[in-house]
C-alpha atoms as a PDB file:
ATOM      1  CA  MET A   1       8.006 118.601  -5.446  1.00  0.00           C
ATOM      2  CA  SER A   2       6.480 115.271  -4.390  1.00  0.00           C
ATOM      3  CA  GLU A   3       3.456 115.442  -2.097  1.00  0.00           C
ATOM      4  CA  TRP A   4       5.036 112.887   0.242  1.00  0.00           C
ATOM      5  CA  LEU A   5       8.209 114.973   0.430  1.00  0.00           C
ATOM      6  CA  VAL A   6       6.066 117.974   1.366  1.00  0.00           C
ATOM      7  CA  LEU A   7       4.421 115.894   4.091  1.00  0.00           C
ATOM      8  CA  THR A   8       7.764 114.695   5.458  1.00  0.00           C
ATOM      9  CA  ILE A   9       9.216 118.218   5.522  1.00  0.00           C
ATOM     10  CA  ALA A  10       6.057 119.648   7.152  1.00  0.00           C
ATOM     11  CA  MET A  11       5.944 117.039   9.916  1.00  0.00           C
ATOM     12  CA  ALA A  12       9.705 117.185  10.561  1.00  0.00           C
ATOM     13  CA  SER A  13       9.616 120.984  10.666  1.00  0.00           C
ATOM     14  CA  ALA A  14       6.663 121.082  13.051  1.00  0.00           C
ATOM     15  CA  CYS A  15       8.313 118.557  15.344  1.00  0.00           C
ATOM     16  CA  ALA A  16      11.675 120.365  15.235  1.00  0.00           C
ATOM     17  CA  VAL A  17      10.130 123.756  16.040  1.00  0.00           C
ATOM     18  CA  VAL A  18       8.146 122.389  18.974  1.00  0.00           C
ATOM     19  CA  LEU A  19      11.075 120.506  20.466  1.00  0.00           C
ATOM     20  CA  THR A  20      13.423 123.470  20.002  1.00  0.00           C
ATOM     21  CA  ILE A  21      11.029 125.818  21.788  1.00  0.00           C
ATOM     22  CA  ALA A  22      10.535 123.256  24.550  1.00  0.00           C
ATOM     23  CA  VAL A  23      14.274 122.897  25.141  1.00  0.00           C
ATOM     24  CA  LEU A  24      14.971 126.643  24.998  1.00  0.00           C
ATOM     25  CA  SER A  25      12.083 127.579  27.262  1.00  0.00           C
ATOM     26  CA  ASN A  26      13.152 124.909  29.750  1.00  0.00           C
ATOM     27  CA  ARG A  27      16.552 126.572  30.136  1.00  0.00           C
ATOM     28  CA  ARG A  28      14.887 129.774  31.339  1.00  0.00           C
ATOM     29  CA  ILE A  29      12.940 128.087  34.141  1.00  0.00           C
ATOM     30  CA  ALA A  30      14.278 128.659  37.640  1.00  0.00           C
ATOM     31  CA  GLU A  31      15.457 125.631  39.591  1.00  0.00           C
ATOM     32  CA  ASP A  32      12.883 126.229  42.341  1.00  0.00           C
ATOM     33  CA  ASP A  33       9.990 126.287  39.827  1.00  0.00           C
ATOM     34  CA  ASP A  34       7.186 123.857  40.626  1.00  0.00           C
ATOM     35  CA  PRO A  35       5.305 122.589  37.537  1.00  0.00           C
ATOM     36  CA  SER A  36       2.490 121.316  39.737  1.00  0.00           C
ATOM     37  CA  GLU A  37       1.466 124.937  40.264  1.00  0.00           C
ATOM     38  CA  THR A  38      -0.091 125.167  36.803  1.00  0.00           C
ATOM     39  CA  PRO A  39      -3.619 126.522  37.391  1.00  0.00           C
ATOM     40  CA  ASP A  40      -6.449 124.077  36.766  1.00  0.00           C
ATOM     41  CA  VAL A  41      -8.208 126.627  34.559  1.00  0.00           C
ATOM     42  CA  ILE A  42      -5.286 126.597  32.127  1.00  0.00           C
ATOM     43  CA  GLU A  43      -5.484 122.823  31.809  1.00  0.00           C
ATOM     44  CA  TYR A  44      -9.231 123.086  31.200  1.00  0.00           C
ATOM     45  CA  MET A  45      -8.821 125.808  28.569  1.00  0.00           C
ATOM     46  CA  THR A  46      -6.069 123.869  26.833  1.00  0.00           C
ATOM     47  CA  MET A  47      -8.260 120.772  26.699  1.00  0.00           C
ATOM     48  CA  MET A  48     -11.283 122.675  25.364  1.00  0.00           C
ATOM     49  CA  ILE A  49      -9.307 124.480  22.674  1.00  0.00           C
ATOM     50  CA  GLY A  50      -7.836 121.142  21.589  1.00  0.00           C
ATOM     51  CA  VAL A  51     -11.313 119.593  21.388  1.00  0.00           C
ATOM     52  CA  VAL A  52     -12.712 122.500  19.382  1.00  0.00           C
ATOM     53  CA  TYR A  53      -9.761 122.409  16.967  1.00  0.00           C
ATOM     54  CA  ALA A  54     -10.144 118.644  16.584  1.00  0.00           C
ATOM     55  CA  ILE A  55     -13.788 119.168  15.571  1.00  0.00           C
ATOM     56  CA  VAL A  56     -12.754 121.829  13.048  1.00  0.00           C
ATOM     57  CA  LEU A  57     -10.095 119.526  11.590  1.00  0.00           C
ATOM     58  CA  GLY A  58     -12.617 116.692  11.349  1.00  0.00           C
ATOM     59  CA  LEU A  59     -15.124 118.881   9.511  1.00  0.00           C
ATOM     60  CA  ALA A  60     -12.437 120.124   7.133  1.00  0.00           C
ATOM     61  CA  ILE A  61     -11.265 116.596   6.336  1.00  0.00           C
ATOM     62  CA  ALA A  62     -14.857 115.431   5.813  1.00  0.00           C
ATOM     63  CA  GLY A  63     -15.526 118.393   3.508  1.00  0.00           C
ATOM     64  CA  VAL A  64     -12.521 117.879   1.237  1.00  0.00           C
ATOM     65  CA  TRP A  65     -13.072 114.100   1.193  1.00  0.00           C
ATOM     66  CA  GLU A  66     -16.667 114.665   0.089  1.00  0.00           C
ATOM     67  CA  GLY A  67     -15.403 116.946  -2.673  1.00  0.00           C
ATOM     68  CA  ARG A  68     -12.907 114.315  -3.793  1.00  0.00           C
ATOM     69  CA  SER A  69     -15.638 111.643  -3.820  1.00  0.00           C
ATOM     70  CA  ALA A  70     -17.950 113.914  -5.825  1.00  0.00           C
ATOM     71  CA  ALA A  71     -15.167 114.498  -8.356  1.00  0.00           C
ATOM     72  CA  GLN A  72     -14.598 110.768  -8.777  1.00  0.00           C
ATOM     73  CA  GLU A  73     -18.341 110.177  -9.119  1.00  0.00           C
ATOM     74  CA  SER A  74     -18.586 112.773 -11.892  1.00  0.00           C
ATOM     75  CA  VAL A  75     -15.819 110.944 -13.760  1.00  0.00           C
ATOM     76  CA  ARG A  76     -17.662 107.647 -13.379  1.00  0.00           C
ATOM     77  CA  LEU A  77     -20.954 109.100 -14.610  1.00  0.00           C
ATOM     78  CA  GLU A  78     -19.280 110.707 -17.612  1.00  0.00           C
ATOM     79  CA  ALA A  79     -17.508 107.501 -18.615  1.00  0.00           C
ATOM     80  CA  GLN A  80     -20.660 105.410 -18.157  1.00  0.00           C
ATOM     81  CA  ALA A  81     -22.771 107.788 -20.252  1.00  0.00           C
ATOM     82  CA  LEU A  82     -20.173 107.726 -23.028  1.00  0.00           C
ATOM     83  CA  HIS A  83     -20.147 103.945 -22.897  1.00  0.00           C
ATOM     84  CA  GLU A  84     -23.948 103.945 -23.288  1.00  0.00           C
ATOM     85  CA  VAL A  85     -23.682 106.221 -26.320  1.00  0.00           C
ATOM     86  CA  SER A  86     -21.141 103.910 -27.905  1.00  0.00           C
ATOM     87  CA  ALA A  87     -23.143 100.760 -27.113  1.00  0.00           C
ATOM     88  CA  ARG A  88     -26.605 102.042 -28.090  1.00  0.00           C
ATOM     89  CA  SER A  89     -25.389 103.354 -31.419  1.00  0.00           C
ATOM     90  CA  ALA A  90     -25.233  99.715 -32.553  1.00  0.00           C
ATOM     91  CA  VAL A  91     -28.806 100.015 -33.931  1.00  0.00           C
ATOM     92  CA  TYR A  92     -27.713 102.683 -36.435  1.00  0.00           C
ATOM     93  CA  PRO A  93     -26.250 101.988 -39.886  1.00  0.00           C
ATOM     94  CA  VAL A  94     -22.629 100.917 -39.929  1.00  0.00           C
ATOM     95  CA  GLU A  95     -21.221 104.225 -41.179  1.00  0.00           C
ATOM     96  CA  VAL A  96     -23.156 106.241 -38.545  1.00  0.00           C
ATOM     97  CA  ARG A  97     -22.315 103.826 -35.742  1.00  0.00           C
ATOM     98  CA  ASP A  98     -18.614 103.801 -36.625  1.00  0.00           C
ATOM     99  CA  ARG A  99     -18.509 107.598 -36.794  1.00  0.00           C
ATOM    100  CA  ILE A 100     -20.142 107.958 -33.379  1.00  0.00           C
ATOM    101  CA  ARG A 101     -17.832 105.406 -31.793  1.00  0.00           C
ATOM    102  CA  ALA A 102     -14.730 106.927 -33.378  1.00  0.00           C
ATOM    103  CA  ASP A 103     -15.661 110.382 -32.081  1.00  0.00           C
ATOM    104  CA  VAL A 104     -16.410 108.986 -28.617  1.00  0.00           C
ATOM    105  CA  ASP A 105     -13.015 107.278 -28.573  1.00  0.00           C
ATOM    106  CA  ALA A 106     -11.298 110.492 -29.685  1.00  0.00           C
ATOM    107  CA  TYR A 107     -13.010 112.404 -26.880  1.00  0.00           C
ATOM    108  CA  VAL A 108     -12.067 109.791 -24.283  1.00  0.00           C
ATOM    109  CA  ALA A 109      -8.442 109.723 -25.438  1.00  0.00           C
ATOM    110  CA  HIS A 110      -8.279 113.504 -25.176  1.00  0.00           C
ATOM    111  CA  VAL A 111      -9.832 113.535 -21.678  1.00  0.00           C
ATOM    112  CA  VAL A 112      -7.480 110.883 -20.324  1.00  0.00           C
ATOM    113  CA  GLY A 113      -4.459 112.554 -21.887  1.00  0.00           C
ATOM    114  CA  ALA A 114      -4.404 116.294 -22.519  1.00  0.00           C
ATOM    115  CA  GLU A 115      -7.489 117.382 -20.562  1.00  0.00           C
ATOM    116  CA  TRP A 116      -6.559 115.484 -17.412  1.00  0.00           C
ATOM    117  CA  LYS A 117      -3.148 117.151 -17.460  1.00  0.00           C
ATOM    118  CA  SER A 118      -4.823 120.535 -17.926  1.00  0.00           C
ATOM    119  CA  MET A 119      -7.010 119.910 -14.863  1.00  0.00           C
ATOM    120  CA  THR A 120      -3.960 118.872 -12.859  1.00  0.00           C
ATOM    121  CA  ASP A 121      -1.796 121.835 -13.891  1.00  0.00           C
ATOM    122  CA  HIS A 122      -4.348 124.609 -14.439  1.00  0.00           C
ATOM    123  CA  ALA A 123      -7.579 123.349 -12.785  1.00  0.00           C
ATOM    124  CA  SER A 124      -9.513 123.864 -16.025  1.00  0.00           C
ATOM    125  CA  LEU A 125     -11.018 121.993 -18.959  1.00  0.00           C
ATOM    126  CA  THR A 126      -9.800 122.407 -22.548  1.00  0.00           C
ATOM    127  CA  GLU A 127     -11.445 123.946 -25.577  1.00  0.00           C
ATOM    128  CA  GLU A 128     -10.477 120.889 -27.594  1.00  0.00           C
ATOM    129  CA  GLY A 129     -12.449 118.677 -25.220  1.00  0.00           C
ATOM    130  CA  THR A 130     -15.494 120.891 -25.687  1.00  0.00           C
ATOM    131  CA  ARG A 131     -15.089 120.700 -29.468  1.00  0.00           C
ATOM    132  CA  LEU A 132     -14.804 116.911 -29.455  1.00  0.00           C
ATOM    133  CA  LEU A 133     -17.901 116.562 -27.267  1.00  0.00           C
ATOM    134  CA  ASP A 134     -19.824 118.889 -29.591  1.00  0.00           C
ATOM    135  CA  ARG A 135     -18.862 116.611 -32.458  1.00  0.00           C
ATOM    136  CA  VAL A 136     -20.261 113.586 -30.608  1.00  0.00           C
ATOM    137  CA  ARG A 137     -23.465 115.536 -29.932  1.00  0.00           C
ATOM    138  CA  ALA A 138     -23.734 116.477 -33.600  1.00  0.00           C
ATOM    139  CA  ASP A 139     -23.249 112.853 -34.659  1.00  0.00           C
ATOM    140  CA  VAL A 140     -26.177 111.807 -32.468  1.00  0.00           C
ATOM    141  CA  THR A 141     -28.620 114.683 -32.892  1.00  0.00           C
ATOM    142  CA  GLU A 142     -28.201 115.313 -36.621  1.00  0.00           C
ATOM    143  CA  TYR A 143     -28.969 111.756 -37.657  1.00  0.00           C
ATOM    144  CA  LYS A 144     -32.582 111.185 -38.746  1.00  0.00           C
ATOM    145  CA  PRO A 145     -33.849 107.728 -37.748  1.00  0.00           C
ATOM    146  CA  ARG A 146     -35.084 105.666 -40.678  1.00  0.00           C
ATOM    147  CA  THR A 147     -36.835 102.854 -38.806  1.00  0.00           C
ATOM    148  CA  ASP A 148     -38.941 102.512 -35.676  1.00  0.00           C
ATOM    149  CA  HIS A 149     -36.081 100.698 -33.979  1.00  0.00           C
ATOM    150  CA  GLU A 150     -33.702 103.569 -34.678  1.00  0.00           C
ATOM    151  CA  GLY A 151     -36.360 106.052 -33.575  1.00  0.00           C
ATOM    152  CA  GLN A 152     -36.721 104.300 -30.219  1.00  0.00           C
ATOM    153  CA  ALA A 153     -32.944 104.526 -29.672  1.00  0.00           C
ATOM    154  CA  TYR A 154     -32.655 108.187 -30.718  1.00  0.00           C
ATOM    155  CA  GLN A 155     -33.982 109.943 -27.600  1.00  0.00           C
ATOM    156  CA  PRO A 156     -32.062 107.749 -25.114  1.00  0.00           C
ATOM    157  CA  LEU A 157     -28.875 108.521 -27.051  1.00  0.00           C
ATOM    158  CA  VAL A 158     -29.582 112.256 -26.895  1.00  0.00           C
ATOM    159  CA  ASP A 159     -30.217 111.931 -23.156  1.00  0.00           C
ATOM    160  CA  GLN A 160     -26.911 110.130 -22.644  1.00  0.00           C
ATOM    161  CA  VAL A 161     -25.017 112.855 -24.499  1.00  0.00           C
ATOM    162  CA  ALA A 162     -26.684 115.418 -22.219  1.00  0.00           C
ATOM    163  CA  ALA A 163     -25.588 113.318 -19.220  1.00  0.00           C
ATOM    164  CA  VAL A 164     -22.006 113.378 -20.536  1.00  0.00           C
ATOM    165  CA  ASP A 165     -22.133 117.167 -20.851  1.00  0.00           C
ATOM    166  CA  ASP A 166     -23.533 117.532 -17.333  1.00  0.00           C
ATOM    167  CA  ALA A 167     -20.904 115.220 -15.809  1.00  0.00           C
ATOM    168  CA  ARG A 168     -18.142 117.017 -17.704  1.00  0.00           C
ATOM    169  CA  GLY A 169     -19.343 120.332 -16.305  1.00  0.00           C
ATOM    170  CA  ALA A 170     -19.261 118.886 -12.776  1.00  0.00           C
ATOM    171  CA  ARG A 171     -15.745 117.577 -13.421  1.00  0.00           C
ATOM    172  CA  GLY A 172     -14.642 121.047 -14.466  1.00  0.00           C
ATOM    173  CA  GLN A 173     -16.163 122.646 -11.359  1.00  0.00           C
ATOM    174  CA  ASN A 174     -14.352 120.145  -9.126  1.00  0.00           C
ATOM    175  CA  ALA A 175     -10.988 120.619 -10.832  1.00  0.00           C
ATOM    176  CA  GLY A 176      -9.775 123.427  -8.580  1.00  0.00           C
ATOM    177  CA  ALA A 177      -9.172 123.763  -4.867  1.00  0.00           C
ATOM    178  CA  THR A 178     -12.311 123.901  -2.743  1.00  0.00           C
ATOM    179  CA  MET A 179     -11.031 125.334   0.554  1.00  0.00           C
ATOM    180  CA  PRO A 180     -11.149 129.159   0.736  1.00  0.00           C
ATOM    181  CA  GLY A 181      -8.052 131.012   1.881  1.00  0.00           C
ATOM    182  CA  VAL A 182      -9.767 132.243   5.036  1.00  0.00           C
ATOM    183  CA  VAL A 183     -10.385 128.628   6.069  1.00  0.00           C
ATOM    184  CA  TRP A 184      -6.719 127.802   5.599  1.00  0.00           C
ATOM    185  CA  PHE A 185      -5.842 130.837   7.710  1.00  0.00           C
ATOM    186  CA  GLY A 186      -8.074 129.512  10.473  1.00  0.00           C
ATOM    187  CA  LEU A 187      -6.676 125.981  10.250  1.00  0.00           C
ATOM    188  CA  ILE A 188      -3.043 127.094  10.380  1.00  0.00           C
ATOM    189  CA  THR A 189      -3.669 129.657  13.124  1.00  0.00           C
ATOM    190  CA  GLY A 190      -5.571 127.047  15.114  1.00  0.00           C
ATOM    191  CA  ALA A 191      -2.697 124.602  14.712  1.00  0.00           C
ATOM    192  CA  VAL A 192      -0.198 127.174  16.011  1.00  0.00           C
ATOM    193  CA  VAL A 193      -2.419 128.032  18.971  1.00  0.00           C
ATOM    194  CA  THR A 194      -3.187 124.395  19.812  1.00  0.00           C
ATOM    195  CA  VAL A 195       0.436 123.291  19.670  1.00  0.00           C
ATOM    196  CA  GLY A 196       1.585 126.441  21.456  1.00  0.00           C
ATOM    197  CA  LEU A 197      -0.771 125.852  24.374  1.00  0.00           C
ATOM    198  CA  ILE A 198       1.129 122.747  25.432  1.00  0.00           C
ATOM    199  CA  PHE A 199       3.861 125.098  26.689  1.00  0.00           C
ATOM    200  CA  THR A 200       1.418 126.671  29.174  1.00  0.00           C
ATOM    201  CA  LEU A 201       1.529 123.358  31.045  1.00  0.00           C
ATOM    202  CA  GLN A 202       5.248 123.867  31.746  1.00  0.00           C
ATOM    203  CA  ILE A 203       6.507 121.032  29.584  1.00  0.00           C
ATOM    204  CA  ARG A 204       9.851 119.687  30.795  1.00  0.00           C
ATOM    205  CA  ARG A 205      12.826 118.260  28.960  1.00  0.00           C
ATOM    206  CA  THR A 206      12.165 114.655  29.926  1.00  0.00           C
ATOM    207  CA  PHE A 207      12.118 112.077  27.131  1.00  0.00           C
ATOM    208  CA  ARG A 208       8.472 111.225  27.701  1.00  0.00           C
ATOM    209  CA  GLU A 209       7.240 114.820  27.524  1.00  0.00           C
ATOM    210  CA  LEU A 210       9.390 115.687  24.513  1.00  0.00           C
ATOM    211  CA  LEU A 211       8.217 112.537  22.725  1.00  0.00           C
ATOM    212  CA  LEU A 212       4.548 113.371  23.312  1.00  0.00           C
ATOM    213  CA  ALA A 213       5.050 116.987  22.210  1.00  0.00           C
ATOM    214  CA  GLY A 214       6.798 115.850  19.048  1.00  0.00           C
ATOM    215  CA  LEU A 215       4.164 113.244  18.211  1.00  0.00           C
ATOM    216  CA  PHE A 216       1.376 115.754  18.795  1.00  0.00           C
ATOM    217  CA  SER A 217       2.925 118.292  16.419  1.00  0.00           C
ATOM    218  CA  VAL A 218       3.536 115.571  13.808  1.00  0.00           C
ATOM    219  CA  LEU A 219      -0.118 114.512  14.042  1.00  0.00           C
ATOM    220  CA  ILE A 220      -1.332 118.078  13.470  1.00  0.00           C
ATOM    221  CA  ALA A 221       1.015 118.465  10.481  1.00  0.00           C
ATOM    222  CA  PHE A 222      -0.200 115.155   9.019  1.00  0.00           C
ATOM    223  CA  LEU A 223      -3.886 116.121   9.321  1.00  0.00           C
ATOM    224  CA  LEU A 224      -3.234 119.478   7.655  1.00  0.00           C
ATOM    225  CA  PHE A 225      -1.403 117.644   4.875  1.00  0.00           C
ATOM    226  CA  LEU A 226      -4.415 115.374   4.337  1.00  0.00           C
ATOM    227  CA  ILE A 227      -6.686 118.408   3.981  1.00  0.00           C
ATOM    228  CA  TRP A 228      -4.264 120.032   1.543  1.00  0.00           C
ATOM    229  CA  ASP A 229      -3.922 116.844  -0.511  1.00  0.00           C
ATOM    230  CA  PHE A 230      -7.675 116.175  -0.743  1.00  0.00           C
ATOM    231  CA  ASP A 231      -8.367 119.843  -1.511  1.00  0.00           C
ATOM    232  CA  ALA A 232      -7.397 119.407  -5.198  1.00  0.00           C
ATOM    233  CA  PRO A 233      -9.408 116.353  -6.355  1.00  0.00           C
ATOM    234  CA  PHE A 234      -7.515 116.020  -9.657  1.00  0.00           C
ATOM    235  CA  GLY A 235      -4.177 117.589  -8.858  1.00  0.00           C
ATOM    236  CA  ARG A 236      -2.360 115.758  -6.066  1.00  0.00           C
ATOM    237  CA  GLY A 237      -1.355 112.338  -4.798  1.00  0.00           C
ATOM    238  CA  ILE A 238      -4.661 111.050  -3.394  1.00  0.00           C
ATOM    239  CA  SER A 239      -6.809 112.275  -6.262  1.00  0.00           C
ATOM    240  CA  ALA A 240      -9.608 111.147  -8.535  1.00  0.00           C
ATOM    241  CA  THR A 241      -8.402 108.818 -11.273  1.00  0.00           C
ATOM    242  CA  THR A 242      -9.159 108.035 -14.904  1.00  0.00           C
ATOM    243  CA  ALA A 243      -9.976 104.414 -14.001  1.00  0.00           C
ATOM    244  CA  PRO A 244     -13.636 104.573 -15.231  1.00  0.00           C
ATOM    245  CA  PHE A 245     -12.487 105.710 -18.695  1.00  0.00           C
ATOM    246  CA  VAL A 246      -9.683 103.156 -18.810  1.00  0.00           C
ATOM    247  CA  ASP A 247     -11.986 100.320 -17.724  1.00  0.00           C
ATOM    248  CA  LEU A 248     -14.755 101.121 -20.230  1.00  0.00           C
ATOM    249  CA  PHE A 249     -12.572 102.260 -23.143  1.00  0.00           C
ATOM    250  CA  PRO A 250      -9.326 100.289 -22.937  1.00  0.00           C
ATOM    251  CA  HIS A 251      -8.804 100.464 -26.713  1.00  0.00           C
ATOM    252  CA  ALA A 252      -9.046 104.272 -26.700  1.00  0.00           C
ATOM    253  CA  THR A 253      -6.882 104.891 -23.642  1.00  0.00           C
ATOM    254  CA  GLY A 254      -4.189 102.307 -24.223  1.00  0.00           C
ATOM    255  CA  GLY A 255      -5.280 100.344 -21.161  1.00  0.00           C
END
């Protein structure tokens, strides 16, 4: 199911539930009821609970956005390190250089294709990706420099391969959801409580009050959708992309 369809259904459902409850509860109010009699303490408590929940929502959105940014940064670092390996291997003999570059391209093609799909569907890296990276590492570390120039390039190449491995590990750690279930329980419960408290103010069936109640519930549903969408950095609509690999290795990725 499309993420945007999920958002539309969630917001429409939240709005429909709130408006239905408002209309049904209004029918049970006596004609001599005076909505101005709502105690001031209830209005104060409603306001404070709304403020606290807004802070919690803001922290949750900031947390999942930071996780999404970290995931994208790990992709950029991995692609850049691979590009350095490919570029710096130019000082090696032709057969060694071509082997390194071919193995780097094979690894990149696998990451952009099969491994990215595995992260999206299963939140995990692939064994084939690990094998291809090990082959790149072997190409670099097993070669014995024959000249001073090659010797000067050897250690930086080894360091770049280590940087690729580190960035790949970070990418794997960021592949899954980051929000614990207990946090989701708190967010959803808080949303129900916050929206439900508007009925303590004796909402009426006027167009203005129903419109505000509907918009408020839609806003809460939209913010929860944003948290849910950002919570899987590689798996949903607003996710990290393969752009760094495509930009640096267009011949290997078909870009």
